[in-house]
Amino acid sequence: MFEWIGWTATAIFAGSYFCKQPRTLRLLQALSASLWISYGLIIGALPVVAANVAVAALAIYTSRRQRDESKRKSVEGEGSYNEIDARS
């Protein structure tokens, strides 16, 4: 009855590999892992739940880390332009 949740999670996870942006890939993997967690809880499969808690947590962590690094590089880049403008 709830098998559609597992199949949907599988389709999202497989489709995530077609993403060109790493952040999108990780967010889709986190979404599919969340669906797998729900499915695992419904069918009482704790190994499915545990494995996908780890996948979701790592996907979210690496996505946030990448976002923070991008913001930091953007701010650092702005600082160097401001220094050049100030000298002119």
Protein backbone atom coordinates (compact mmCIF):
# COMPACT_ATOMS: atom_id res chain seq x y z
CA MET A 1 0.00 0.00 0.00
CA PHE A 2 2.77 2.46 0.89
CA GLU A 3 5.21 1.12 -1.67
CA TRP A 4 4.69 4.24 -3.77
CA ILE A 5 6.71 6.18 -1.16
CA GLY A 6 9.72 3.93 -1.70
CA TRP A 7 9.36 4.06 -5.48
CA THR A 8 9.05 7.85 -5.42
CA ALA A 9 12.16 8.10 -3.23
CA THR A 10 14.04 5.85 -5.65
CA ALA A 11 12.96 7.91 -8.68
CA ILE A 12 13.99 11.21 -7.03
CA PHE A 13 17.33 9.79 -5.91
CA ALA A 14 18.10 8.35 -9.35
CA GLY A 15 17.01 11.57 -11.05
CA SER A 16 19.27 13.62 -8.79
CA TYR A 17 22.29 12.32 -10.69
CA PHE A 18 21.19 14.31 -13.73
CA CYS A 19 21.55 17.58 -11.81
CA LYS A 20 24.36 19.84 -12.94
CA GLN A 21 24.49 21.85 -9.73
CA PRO A 22 25.94 20.00 -6.71
CA ARG A 23 23.59 21.86 -4.33
CA THR A 24 20.52 20.69 -6.27
CA LEU A 25 21.84 17.12 -6.32
CA ARG A 26 22.32 17.15 -2.54
CA LEU A 27 18.94 18.69 -1.85
CA LEU A 28 17.18 16.09 -4.00
CA GLN A 29 19.15 13.36 -2.26
CA ALA A 30 18.06 14.78 1.11
CA LEU A 31 14.44 14.81 -0.09
CA SER A 32 14.61 11.22 -1.29
CA ALA A 33 16.28 10.14 1.96
CA SER A 34 13.46 11.81 3.89
CA LEU A 35 10.94 9.81 1.88
CA TRP A 36 12.92 6.63 2.54
CA ILE A 37 12.91 7.46 6.26
CA SER A 38 9.13 7.79 6.18
CA TYR A 39 8.80 4.55 4.26
CA GLY A 40 11.18 2.74 6.63
CA LEU A 41 9.18 3.91 9.65
CA ILE A 42 5.90 2.79 8.08
CA ILE A 43 7.17 -0.71 7.30
CA GLY A 44 9.22 -0.99 10.49
CA ALA A 45 12.61 -1.30 8.79
CA LEU A 46 15.04 0.39 11.15
CA PRO A 47 18.12 -0.24 8.94
CA VAL A 48 16.39 1.71 6.14
CA VAL A 49 15.64 4.53 8.58
CA ALA A 50 19.17 4.63 10.01
CA ALA A 51 20.91 4.57 6.63
CA ASN A 52 18.74 7.35 5.28
CA VAL A 53 19.04 9.52 8.37
CA ALA A 54 22.79 9.43 7.70
CA VAL A 55 22.31 10.19 3.97
CA ALA A 56 19.92 13.09 4.66
CA ALA A 57 22.15 14.56 7.35
CA LEU A 58 25.26 14.39 5.16
CA ALA A 59 23.44 15.81 2.13
CA ILE A 60 22.11 18.75 4.16
CA TYR A 61 25.46 19.32 5.89
CA THR A 62 27.49 19.34 2.67
CA SER A 63 24.93 21.53 0.93
CA ARG A 64 25.07 24.10 3.73
CA ARG A 65 28.85 23.93 3.87
CA GLN A 66 29.06 24.60 0.14
CA ARG A 67 26.59 27.50 0.47
CA ASP A 68 28.59 29.03 3.32
CA GLU A 69 31.85 28.69 1.37
CA SER A 70 30.24 30.39 -1.63
CA LYS A 71 29.02 33.25 0.55
CA ARG A 72 32.46 33.62 2.12
CA LYS A 73 34.17 33.72 -1.28
CA SER A 74 31.63 36.27 -2.48
CA VAL A 75 32.26 38.52 0.52
CA GLU A 76 36.04 38.13 0.18
CA GLY A 77 35.77 38.98 -3.50
CA GLU A 78 33.75 42.10 -2.72
CA GLY A 79 36.37 43.20 -0.21
CA SER A 80 39.14 43.06 -2.79
CA TYR A 81 37.11 45.17 -5.24
CA ASN A 82 36.37 47.73 -2.54
CA GLU A 83 40.06 48.04 -1.75
CA ILE A 84 40.83 48.66 -5.41
CA ASP A 85 38.05 51.27 -5.67
CA ALA A 86 39.28 53.00 -2.52
CA ARG A 87 42.78 53.40 -3.98
CA SER A 88 41.50 55.02 -7.19
